[in-house]
Amino acid sequence: METETRLRVNENGRVVIPASFRKALGINIGDEVVLRIEDDELRITTLQRRLERAQRLIQKHIKRGTSLVEELISQRREAARHE
């Protein structure tokens, strides 16, 4: 797969993401993408990819078998008991 290409910006400021790049990134018709400027570069990703990245980062700090949902519910019930 290509990892770099050259494109021209049209008169409306638009560029077309090549099909091979969209496929590699999992971008489908109608998907919402996130654009970010980082280190003087434009980065494009999907909300799904950002969510997956966040989940991987969080998993590094959680013991296997731990349910954050159950912990949150437990904390909320405890707080409610003290109200």
PDB file of N, CA and C in Angstrom:
ATOM      1  N   MET A   1       0.832  -1.185   0.000  1.00  0.00           N
ATOM      2  CA  MET A   1       0.000   0.000   0.000  1.00  0.00           C
ATOM      3  C   MET A   1       0.876   1.247   0.000  1.00  0.00           C
ATOM      4  N   GLU A   2       0.437   2.230  -0.741  1.00  0.00           N
ATOM      5  CA  GLU A   2       1.124   3.518  -0.740  1.00  0.00           C
ATOM      6  C   GLU A   2       0.938   4.181   0.621  1.00  0.00           C
ATOM      7  N   THR A   3       1.971   4.865   1.080  1.00  0.00           N
ATOM      8  CA  THR A   3       1.850   5.608   2.333  1.00  0.00           C
ATOM      9  C   THR A   3       2.003   7.102   2.110  1.00  0.00           C
ATOM     10  N   GLU A   4       2.211   7.483   0.863  1.00  0.00           N
ATOM     11  CA  GLU A   4       2.356   8.898   0.542  1.00  0.00           C
ATOM     12  C   GLU A   4       1.886   9.132  -0.882  1.00  0.00           C
ATOM     13  N   THR A   5       1.268  10.262  -1.102  1.00  0.00           N
ATOM     14  CA  THR A   5       0.831  10.643  -2.440  1.00  0.00           C
ATOM     15  C   THR A   5       0.798  12.163  -2.527  1.00  0.00           C
ATOM     16  N   ARG A   6       0.720  12.655  -3.735  1.00  0.00           N
ATOM     17  CA  ARG A   6       0.609  14.099  -3.962  1.00  0.00           C
ATOM     18  C   ARG A   6      -0.757  14.394  -4.542  1.00  0.00           C
ATOM     19  N   LEU A   7      -1.393  15.446  -4.035  1.00  0.00           N
ATOM     20  CA  LEU A   7      -2.722  15.850  -4.481  1.00  0.00           C
ATOM     21  C   LEU A   7      -2.732  17.349  -4.733  1.00  0.00           C
ATOM     22  N   ARG A   8      -3.684  17.782  -5.528  1.00  0.00           N
ATOM     23  CA  ARG A   8      -3.900  19.213  -5.719  1.00  0.00           C
ATOM     24  C   ARG A   8      -5.156  19.621  -4.958  1.00  0.00           C
ATOM     25  N   VAL A   9      -5.102  20.778  -4.356  1.00  0.00           N
ATOM     26  CA  VAL A   9      -6.254  21.352  -3.681  1.00  0.00           C
ATOM     27  C   VAL A   9      -7.082  22.070  -4.745  1.00  0.00           C
ATOM     28  N   ASN A  10      -8.404  21.800  -4.796  1.00  0.00           N
ATOM     29  CA  ASN A  10      -9.216  22.458  -5.815  1.00  0.00           C
ATOM     30  C   ASN A  10      -9.614  23.859  -5.379  1.00  0.00           C
ATOM     31  N   GLU A  11     -10.371  24.548  -6.230  1.00  0.00           N
ATOM     32  CA  GLU A  11     -10.732  25.948  -5.969  1.00  0.00           C
ATOM     33  C   GLU A  11     -11.575  26.125  -4.716  1.00  0.00           C
ATOM     34  N   ASN A  12     -12.218  25.068  -4.253  1.00  0.00           N
ATOM     35  CA  ASN A  12     -13.020  25.137  -3.023  1.00  0.00           C
ATOM     36  C   ASN A  12     -12.230  24.712  -1.794  1.00  0.00           C
ATOM     37  N   GLY A  13     -10.922  24.454  -1.961  1.00  0.00           N
ATOM     38  CA  GLY A  13     -10.097  24.028  -0.844  1.00  0.00           C
ATOM     39  C   GLY A  13     -10.236  22.552  -0.524  1.00  0.00           C
ATOM     40  N   ARG A  14     -10.739  21.780  -1.466  1.00  0.00           N
ATOM     41  CA  ARG A  14     -10.985  20.361  -1.233  1.00  0.00           C
ATOM     42  C   ARG A  14      -9.883  19.496  -1.831  1.00  0.00           C
ATOM     43  N   VAL A  15      -9.687  18.347  -1.190  1.00  0.00           N
ATOM     44  CA  VAL A  15      -8.815  17.303  -1.730  1.00  0.00           C
ATOM     45  C   VAL A  15      -9.597  16.002  -1.687  1.00  0.00           C
ATOM     46  N   VAL A  16      -9.264  15.100  -2.564  1.00  0.00           N
ATOM     47  CA  VAL A  16      -9.904  13.790  -2.594  1.00  0.00           C
ATOM     48  C   VAL A  16      -8.938  12.790  -1.982  1.00  0.00           C
ATOM     49  N   ILE A  17      -9.403  12.081  -0.963  1.00  0.00           N
ATOM     50  CA  ILE A  17      -8.577  11.050  -0.333  1.00  0.00           C
ATOM     51  C   ILE A  17      -8.624   9.823  -1.244  1.00  0.00           C
ATOM     52  N   PRO A  18      -7.482   9.366  -1.735  1.00  0.00           N
ATOM     53  CA  PRO A  18      -7.481   8.208  -2.632  1.00  0.00           C
ATOM     54  C   PRO A  18      -8.125   6.978  -1.986  1.00  0.00           C
ATOM     55  N   ALA A  19      -8.748   6.153  -2.828  1.00  0.00           N
ATOM     56  CA  ALA A  19      -9.463   4.970  -2.341  1.00  0.00           C
ATOM     57  C   ALA A  19      -8.572   4.068  -1.496  1.00  0.00           C
ATOM     58  N   SER A  20      -7.306   3.890  -1.901  1.00  0.00           N
ATOM     59  CA  SER A  20      -6.418   3.000  -1.140  1.00  0.00           C
ATOM     60  C   SER A  20      -6.166   3.540   0.267  1.00  0.00           C
ATOM     61  N   PHE A  21      -6.108   4.857   0.406  1.00  0.00           N
ATOM     62  CA  PHE A  21      -5.912   5.465   1.724  1.00  0.00           C
ATOM     63  C   PHE A  21      -7.181   5.315   2.556  1.00  0.00           C
ATOM     64  N   ARG A  22      -8.346   5.571   1.928  1.00  0.00           N
ATOM     65  CA  ARG A  22      -9.609   5.416   2.658  1.00  0.00           C
ATOM     66  C   ARG A  22      -9.775   3.987   3.142  1.00  0.00           C
ATOM     67  N   LYS A  23      -9.438   3.038   2.303  1.00  0.00           N
ATOM     68  CA  LYS A  23      -9.557   1.628   2.682  1.00  0.00           C
ATOM     69  C   LYS A  23      -8.626   1.302   3.850  1.00  0.00           C
ATOM     70  N   ALA A  24      -7.390   1.766   3.775  1.00  0.00           N
ATOM     71  CA  ALA A  24      -6.408   1.491   4.833  1.00  0.00           C
ATOM     72  C   ALA A  24      -6.836   2.095   6.171  1.00  0.00           C
ATOM     73  N   LEU A  25      -7.519   3.231   6.113  1.00  0.00           N
ATOM     74  CA  LEU A  25      -7.952   3.905   7.343  1.00  0.00           C
ATOM     75  C   LEU A  25      -9.355   3.502   7.771  1.00  0.00           C
ATOM     76  N   GLY A  26     -10.025   2.698   6.954  1.00  0.00           N
ATOM     77  CA  GLY A  26     -11.384   2.282   7.295  1.00  0.00           C
ATOM     78  C   GLY A  26     -12.389   3.404   7.139  1.00  0.00           C
ATOM     79  N   ILE A  27     -12.145   4.321   6.223  1.00  0.00           N
ATOM     80  CA  ILE A  27     -13.053   5.438   5.987  1.00  0.00           C
ATOM     81  C   ILE A  27     -14.045   5.034   4.901  1.00  0.00           C
ATOM     82  N   ASN A  28     -15.327   5.104   5.238  1.00  0.00           N
ATOM     83  CA  ASN A  28     -16.387   4.739   4.302  1.00  0.00           C
ATOM     84  C   ASN A  28     -17.214   5.965   3.941  1.00  0.00           C
ATOM     85  N   ILE A  29     -17.975   5.861   2.860  1.00  0.00           N
ATOM     86  CA  ILE A  29     -18.845   6.959   2.433  1.00  0.00           C
ATOM     87  C   ILE A  29     -19.766   7.343   3.580  1.00  0.00           C
ATOM     88  N   GLY A  30     -19.843   8.619   3.862  1.00  0.00           N
ATOM     89  CA  GLY A  30     -20.709   9.128   4.918  1.00  0.00           C
ATOM     90  C   GLY A  30     -20.075   9.164   6.293  1.00  0.00           C
ATOM     91  N   ASP A  31     -18.884   8.578   6.452  1.00  0.00           N
ATOM     92  CA  ASP A  31     -18.210   8.604   7.749  1.00  0.00           C
ATOM     93  C   ASP A  31     -17.801  10.030   8.101  1.00  0.00           C
ATOM     94  N   GLU A  32     -17.835  10.318   9.376  1.00  0.00           N
ATOM     95  CA  GLU A  32     -17.324  11.588   9.872  1.00  0.00           C
ATOM     96  C   GLU A  32     -15.842  11.388  10.172  1.00  0.00           C
ATOM     97  N   VAL A  33     -15.028  12.326   9.725  1.00  0.00           N
ATOM     98  CA  VAL A  33     -13.593  12.237   9.993  1.00  0.00           C
ATOM     99  C   VAL A  33     -13.178  13.402  10.883  1.00  0.00           C
ATOM    100  N   VAL A  34     -12.053  13.224  11.538  1.00  0.00           N
ATOM    101  CA  VAL A  34     -11.490  14.244  12.409  1.00  0.00           C
ATOM    102  C   VAL A  34     -10.196  14.724  11.774  1.00  0.00           C
ATOM    103  N   LEU A  35     -10.071  16.032  11.594  1.00  0.00           N
ATOM    104  CA  LEU A  35      -8.844  16.636  11.081  1.00  0.00           C
ATOM    105  C   LEU A  35      -8.137  17.304  12.239  1.00  0.00           C
ATOM    106  N   ARG A  36      -6.825  17.133  12.288  1.00  0.00           N
ATOM    107  CA  ARG A  36      -6.038  17.717  13.377  1.00  0.00           C
ATOM    108  C   ARG A  36      -4.706  18.180  12.810  1.00  0.00           C
ATOM    109  N   ILE A  37      -4.281  19.345  13.241  1.00  0.00           N
ATOM    110  CA  ILE A  37      -2.942  19.813  12.880  1.00  0.00           C
ATOM    111  C   ILE A  37      -2.008  19.407  13.999  1.00  0.00           C
ATOM    112  N   GLU A  38      -0.980  18.647  13.653  1.00  0.00           N
ATOM    113  CA  GLU A  38      -0.004  18.174  14.627  1.00  0.00           C
ATOM    114  C   GLU A  38       1.379  18.257  14.007  1.00  0.00           C
ATOM    115  N   ASP A  39       2.287  18.926  14.696  1.00  0.00           N
ATOM    116  CA  ASP A  39       3.657  19.087  14.192  1.00  0.00           C
ATOM    117  C   ASP A  39       3.670  19.615  12.759  1.00  0.00           C
ATOM    118  N   ASP A  40       2.861  20.636  12.500  1.00  0.00           N
ATOM    119  CA  ASP A  40       2.768  21.266  11.176  1.00  0.00           C
ATOM    120  C   ASP A  40       2.294  20.313  10.088  1.00  0.00           C
ATOM    121  N   GLU A  41       1.547  19.268  10.458  1.00  0.00           N
ATOM    122  CA  GLU A  41       0.988  18.323   9.500  1.00  0.00           C
ATOM    123  C   GLU A  41      -0.510  18.202   9.735  1.00  0.00           C
ATOM    124  N   LEU A  42      -1.238  17.940   8.656  1.00  0.00           N
ATOM    125  CA  LEU A  42      -2.660  17.684   8.761  1.00  0.00           C
ATOM    126  C   LEU A  42      -2.863  16.187   8.912  1.00  0.00           C
ATOM    127  N   ARG A  43      -3.538  15.791   9.972  1.00  0.00           N
ATOM    128  CA  ARG A  43      -3.799  14.374  10.220  1.00  0.00           C
ATOM    129  C   ARG A  43      -5.294  14.126  10.106  1.00  0.00           C
ATOM    130  N   ILE A  44      -5.642  13.011   9.472  1.00  0.00           N
ATOM    131  CA  ILE A  44      -7.034  12.646   9.266  1.00  0.00           C
ATOM    132  C   ILE A  44      -7.259  11.276   9.891  1.00  0.00           C
ATOM    133  N   THR A  45      -8.321  11.166  10.683  1.00  0.00           N
ATOM    134  CA  THR A  45      -8.685   9.882  11.266  1.00  0.00           C
ATOM    135  C   THR A  45     -10.197   9.832  11.402  1.00  0.00           C
ATOM    136  N   THR A  46     -10.723   8.686  11.788  1.00  0.00           N
ATOM    137  CA  THR A  46     -12.158   8.562  12.021  1.00  0.00           C
ATOM    138  C   THR A  46     -12.426   8.594  13.519  1.00  0.00           C
ATOM    139  N   LEU A  47     -13.670   8.873  13.861  1.00  0.00           N
ATOM    140  CA  LEU A  47     -14.046   8.847  15.275  1.00  0.00           C
ATOM    141  C   LEU A  47     -13.849   7.447  15.847  1.00  0.00           C
ATOM    142  N   GLN A  48     -14.151   6.425  15.044  1.00  0.00           N
ATOM    143  CA  GLN A  48     -13.985   5.045  15.497  1.00  0.00           C
ATOM    144  C   GLN A  48     -12.523   4.754  15.830  1.00  0.00           C
ATOM    145  N   ARG A  49     -11.606   5.188  14.974  1.00  0.00           N
ATOM    146  CA  ARG A  49     -10.176   4.970  15.237  1.00  0.00           C
ATOM    147  C   ARG A  49      -9.735   5.698  16.502  1.00  0.00           C
ATOM    148  N   ARG A  50     -10.249   6.899  16.720  1.00  0.00           N
ATOM    149  CA  ARG A  50      -9.894   7.637  17.936  1.00  0.00           C
ATOM    150  C   ARG A  50     -10.403   6.922  19.174  1.00  0.00           C
ATOM    151  N   LEU A  51     -11.614   6.394  19.081  1.00  0.00           N
ATOM    152  CA  LEU A  51     -12.179   5.639  20.201  1.00  0.00           C
ATOM    153  C   LEU A  51     -11.344   4.402  20.489  1.00  0.00           C
ATOM    154  N   GLU A  52     -10.970   3.679  19.440  1.00  0.00           N
ATOM    155  CA  GLU A  52     -10.147   2.480  19.621  1.00  0.00           C
ATOM    156  C   GLU A  52      -8.798   2.833  20.243  1.00  0.00           C
ATOM    157  N   ARG A  53      -8.192   3.941  19.813  1.00  0.00           N
ATOM    158  CA  ARG A  53      -6.909   4.371  20.372  1.00  0.00           C
ATOM    159  C   ARG A  53      -7.057   4.714  21.853  1.00  0.00           C
ATOM    160  N   ALA A  54      -8.134   5.407  22.198  1.00  0.00           N
ATOM    161  CA  ALA A  54      -8.376   5.757  23.597  1.00  0.00           C
ATOM    162  C   ALA A  54      -8.566   4.510  24.447  1.00  0.00           C
ATOM    163  N   GLN A  55      -9.302   3.535  23.916  1.00  0.00           N
ATOM    164  CA  GLN A  55      -9.516   2.290  24.654  1.00  0.00           C
ATOM    165  C   GLN A  55      -8.203   1.546  24.890  1.00  0.00           C
ATOM    166  N   ARG A  56      -7.330   1.522  23.877  1.00  0.00           N
ATOM    167  CA  ARG A  56      -6.028   0.859  24.046  1.00  0.00           C
ATOM    168  C   ARG A  56      -5.194   1.569  25.116  1.00  0.00           C
ATOM    169  N   LEU A  57      -5.223   2.892  25.121  1.00  0.00           N
ATOM    170  CA  LEU A  57      -4.464   3.644  26.123  1.00  0.00           C
ATOM    171  C   LEU A  57      -4.979   3.359  27.532  1.00  0.00           C
ATOM    172  N   ILE A  58      -6.294   3.324  27.689  1.00  0.00           N
ATOM    173  CA  ILE A  58      -6.890   3.077  29.000  1.00  0.00           C
ATOM    174  C   ILE A  58      -6.594   1.661  29.468  1.00  0.00           C
ATOM    175  N   GLN A  59      -6.657   0.690  28.576  1.00  0.00           N
ATOM    176  CA  GLN A  59      -6.438  -0.709  28.947  1.00  0.00           C
ATOM    177  C   GLN A  59      -5.069  -0.940  29.569  1.00  0.00           C
ATOM    178  N   LYS A  60      -4.097  -0.118  29.221  1.00  0.00           N
ATOM    179  CA  LYS A  60      -2.757  -0.259  29.803  1.00  0.00           C
ATOM    180  C   LYS A  60      -2.764  -0.020  31.305  1.00  0.00           C
ATOM    181  N   HIS A  61      -3.773   0.690  31.807  1.00  0.00           N
ATOM    182  CA  HIS A  61      -3.795   1.103  33.205  1.00  0.00           C
ATOM    183  C   HIS A  61      -4.864   0.391  34.033  1.00  0.00           C
ATOM    184  N   ILE A  62      -5.508  -0.604  33.449  1.00  0.00           N
ATOM    185  CA  ILE A  62      -6.591  -1.310  34.138  1.00  0.00           C
ATOM    186  C   ILE A  62      -6.235  -2.786  34.267  1.00  0.00           C
ATOM    187  N   LYS A  63      -6.459  -3.336  35.475  1.00  0.00           N
ATOM    188  CA  LYS A  63      -6.216  -4.759  35.674  1.00  0.00           C
ATOM    189  C   LYS A  63      -7.173  -5.568  34.819  1.00  0.00           C
ATOM    190  N   ARG A  64      -6.680  -6.677  34.274  1.00  0.00           N
ATOM    191  CA  ARG A  64      -7.521  -7.567  33.467  1.00  0.00           C
ATOM    192  C   ARG A  64      -8.694  -8.043  34.311  1.00  0.00           C
ATOM    193  N   GLY A  65      -9.876  -8.043  33.729  1.00  0.00           N
ATOM    194  CA  GLY A  65     -11.073  -8.495  34.428  1.00  0.00           C
ATOM    195  C   GLY A  65     -11.796  -7.395  35.188  1.00  0.00           C
ATOM    196  N   THR A  66     -11.223  -6.210  35.227  1.00  0.00           N
ATOM    197  CA  THR A  66     -11.847  -5.091  35.920  1.00  0.00           C
ATOM    198  C   THR A  66     -12.906  -4.463  35.020  1.00  0.00           C
ATOM    199  N   SER A  67     -14.078  -4.198  35.574  1.00  0.00           N
ATOM    200  CA  SER A  67     -15.151  -3.544  34.839  1.00  0.00           C
ATOM    201  C   SER A  67     -15.275  -2.108  35.326  1.00  0.00           C
ATOM    202  N   LEU A  68     -14.934  -1.167  34.458  1.00  0.00           N
ATOM    203  CA  LEU A  68     -15.047   0.239  34.834  1.00  0.00           C
ATOM    204  C   LEU A  68     -16.508   0.633  35.046  1.00  0.00           C
ATOM    205  N   VAL A  69     -17.395   0.005  34.324  1.00  0.00           N
ATOM    206  CA  VAL A  69     -18.826   0.280  34.477  1.00  0.00           C
ATOM    207  C   VAL A  69     -19.273  -0.116  35.877  1.00  0.00           C
ATOM    208  N   GLU A  70     -18.888  -1.309  36.302  1.00  0.00           N
ATOM    209  CA  GLU A  70     -19.263  -1.775  37.641  1.00  0.00           C
ATOM    210  C   GLU A  70     -18.650  -0.886  38.718  1.00  0.00           C
ATOM    211  N   GLU A  71     -17.412  -0.465  38.520  1.00  0.00           N
ATOM    212  CA  GLU A  71     -16.773   0.431  39.486  1.00  0.00           C
ATOM    213  C   GLU A  71     -17.513   1.754  39.578  1.00  0.00           C
ATOM    214  N   LEU A  72     -17.912   2.310  38.434  1.00  0.00           N
ATOM    215  CA  LEU A  72     -18.637   3.575  38.422  1.00  0.00           C
ATOM    216  C   LEU A  72     -19.979   3.430  39.123  1.00  0.00           C
ATOM    217  N   ILE A  73     -20.706   2.371  38.810  1.00  0.00           N
ATOM    218  CA  ILE A  73     -22.008   2.146  39.456  1.00  0.00           C
ATOM    219  C   ILE A  73     -21.835   2.020  40.964  1.00  0.00           C
ATOM    220  N   SER A  74     -20.825   1.287  41.398  1.00  0.00           N
ATOM    221  CA  SER A  74     -20.557   1.116  42.822  1.00  0.00           C
ATOM    222  C   SER A  74     -20.248   2.462  43.487  1.00  0.00           C
ATOM    223  N   GLN A  75     -19.433   3.264  42.845  1.00  0.00           N
ATOM    224  CA  GLN A  75     -19.094   4.580  43.392  1.00  0.00           C
ATOM    225  C   GLN A  75     -20.322   5.475  43.488  1.00  0.00           C
ATOM    226  N   ARG A  76     -21.175   5.420  42.469  1.00  0.00           N
ATOM    227  CA  ARG A  76     -22.384   6.259  42.473  1.00  0.00           C
ATOM    228  C   ARG A  76     -23.357   5.811  43.574  1.00  0.00           C
ATOM    229  N   ARG A  77     -23.465   4.501  43.767  1.00  0.00           N
ATOM    230  CA  ARG A  77     -24.351   4.005  44.833  1.00  0.00           C
ATOM    231  C   ARG A  77     -23.817   4.420  46.200  1.00  0.00           C
ATOM    232  N   GLU A  78     -22.511   4.328  46.356  1.00  0.00           N
ATOM    233  CA  GLU A  78     -21.882   4.748  47.629  1.00  0.00           C
ATOM    234  C   GLU A  78     -22.121   6.221  47.873  1.00  0.00           C
ATOM    235  N   ALA A  79     -21.951   7.034  46.849  1.00  0.00           N
ATOM    236  CA  ALA A  79     -22.182   8.474  46.997  1.00  0.00           C
ATOM    237  C   ALA A  79     -23.642   8.761  47.331  1.00  0.00           C
ATOM    238  N   ALA A  80     -24.546   8.032  46.710  1.00  0.00           N
ATOM    239  CA  ALA A  80     -25.976   8.224  46.973  1.00  0.00           C
ATOM    240  C   ALA A  80     -26.328   7.869  48.409  1.00  0.00           C
ATOM    241  N   ARG A  81     -25.667   6.851  48.966  1.00  0.00           N
ATOM    242  CA  ARG A  81     -25.925   6.458  50.369  1.00  0.00           C
ATOM    243  C   ARG A  81     -25.518   7.565  51.342  1.00  0.00           C
ATOM    244  N   HIS A  82     -24.543   8.373  50.950  1.00  0.00           N
ATOM    245  CA  HIS A  82     -24.046   9.428  51.836  1.00  0.00           C
ATOM    246  C   HIS A  82     -24.763  10.763  51.652  1.00  0.00           C
ATOM    247  N   GLU A  83     -25.737  10.793  50.771  1.00  0.00           N
ATOM    248  CA  GLU A  83     -26.469  12.051  50.557  1.00  0.00           C
ATOM    249  C   GLU A  83     -27.572  12.222  51.569  1.00  0.00           C
TER     250      GLU A  83
END
